Structures are given as C-alpha cells and as structure tokens.
C-alpha cells in the first residue's frame, strides 16, 4: 500500500516545524522557574532541619535509603544461608 502525498506532506511539516516557535513560547514553558514558591523551595532545600545534625545525614545505596548499621545485609545473609540449606 502506498501512502498518499498528503500524508507525506504532513510528516515533512511536523519534522521541519521548530520545537519552540518563539521566545514567548519558551517563556511559557519555563514560567515555573520564576514562581515564588519554587524559588522559596530551592533556597531552603539544603538547609538543615530542626533535628540534631547527627540525624541530618542520609545513608543511601543506589538512591535507596540504607540503614547505617547494616541490618539489611545481616538479614540478606541469613536468607541466603537458609536458602542454601533448603536446596
């Protein structure tokens, strides 16, 4: 089946159409940057919370929270040990 010429014209138009038509469109797309609530959040994002500094440290592994005492690894090793004994 051959596609009609009107189909190819529409495809060429979409490909050649610029992503942002003018600066006004770009300003609309980035309006959130100038929002006072966003600015307030970004200014306070790195401030320490009301808790003691020792609790302000986040322990993460691969972006997931991890307990600093390694309790999960103890659990995982126990699971591996039990699985080995059952096989």
Protein backbone atom coordinates (compact mmCIF):
# COMPACT_ATOMS: atom_id res chain seq x y z
CA UNK A 1 0.00 0.00 0.00
CA UNK A 2 1.33 3.43 -0.91
CA UNK A 3 0.78 6.35 1.40
CA UNK A 4 -0.95 9.37 -0.15
CA UNK A 5 1.03 12.51 -0.86
CA UNK A 6 -0.94 14.43 1.80
CA UNK A 7 0.37 12.03 4.44
CA UNK A 8 3.98 12.69 3.44
CA UNK A 9 3.37 16.45 3.36
CA UNK A 10 2.05 16.31 6.93
CA UNK A 11 5.08 14.27 8.04
CA UNK A 12 7.53 16.69 6.39
CA UNK A 13 5.74 19.63 8.04
CA UNK A 14 5.96 18.04 11.52
CA UNK A 15 9.64 17.19 11.07
CA UNK A 16 10.61 20.64 9.83
CA UNK A 17 8.47 22.54 12.35
CA UNK A 18 10.64 24.17 15.02
CA UNK A 19 10.24 22.87 18.57
CA UNK A 20 9.85 26.38 20.02
CA UNK A 21 8.16 28.88 17.74
CA UNK A 22 9.35 31.99 19.53
CA UNK A 23 10.66 33.34 22.82
CA UNK A 24 7.15 33.81 24.21
CA UNK A 25 6.51 30.05 23.95
CA UNK A 26 9.84 29.35 25.61
CA UNK A 27 8.96 31.76 28.46
CA UNK A 28 5.64 29.92 28.95
CA UNK A 29 7.48 26.59 29.13
CA UNK A 30 9.88 27.92 31.80
CA UNK A 31 7.41 30.00 33.79
CA UNK A 32 7.70 27.64 36.75
CA UNK A 33 11.30 28.78 37.27
CA UNK A 34 10.14 32.27 38.27
CA UNK A 35 7.36 31.03 40.57
CA UNK A 36 7.93 32.45 44.09
CA UNK A 37 7.03 29.10 45.71
CA UNK A 38 9.65 27.30 43.61
CA UNK A 39 12.25 29.93 44.42
CA UNK A 40 11.48 29.64 48.14
CA UNK A 41 11.77 25.84 47.99
CA UNK A 42 15.09 25.96 46.12
CA UNK A 43 16.55 28.46 48.60
CA UNK A 44 15.63 26.31 51.60
CA UNK A 45 16.27 22.86 50.07
CA UNK A 46 19.78 22.45 51.52
CA UNK A 47 19.14 23.96 54.96
CA UNK A 48 19.45 21.70 57.97
CA UNK A 49 16.16 20.62 59.54
CA UNK A 50 15.09 21.24 63.15
CA UNK A 51 16.62 17.93 64.29
CA UNK A 52 20.19 17.42 65.59
CA UNK A 53 22.97 17.37 63.00
CA UNK A 54 23.76 13.69 63.66
CA UNK A 55 20.35 12.75 62.20
CA UNK A 56 20.75 15.04 59.19
CA UNK A 57 22.93 12.53 57.32
CA UNK A 58 21.15 10.35 54.78
CA UNK A 59 22.55 6.89 54.12
CA UNK A 60 21.78 5.75 50.59
CA UNK A 61 22.86 2.93 48.32
CA UNK A 62 21.92 3.26 44.67
CA UNK A 63 19.49 6.06 45.53
CA UNK A 64 17.62 3.95 48.09
CA UNK A 65 17.81 4.60 51.81
CA UNK A 66 20.01 2.23 53.76
CA UNK A 67 20.43 1.73 57.48
CA UNK A 68 23.94 2.68 58.66
CA UNK A 69 24.25 -0.37 60.94
CA UNK A 70 23.93 -2.85 58.07
CA UNK A 71 20.87 -4.66 59.45
CA UNK A 72 19.54 -5.42 55.99
CA UNK A 73 22.78 -7.14 54.97
CA UNK A 74 22.57 -9.34 58.08
CA UNK A 75 19.02 -10.24 57.08
CA UNK A 76 20.04 -10.92 53.48
CA UNK A 77 22.94 -13.16 54.52
CA UNK A 78 20.61 -15.10 56.80
CA UNK A 79 18.16 -15.55 53.91
CA UNK A 80 20.98 -16.74 51.64
CA UNK A 81 22.17 -19.17 54.34
CA UNK A 82 18.66 -20.58 54.85
CA UNK A 83 18.10 -20.87 51.12
CA UNK A 84 21.41 -22.77 50.77
CA UNK A 85 20.38 -25.23 53.48
CA UNK A 86 17.00 -25.86 51.83
CA UNK A 87 18.38 -26.59 48.34
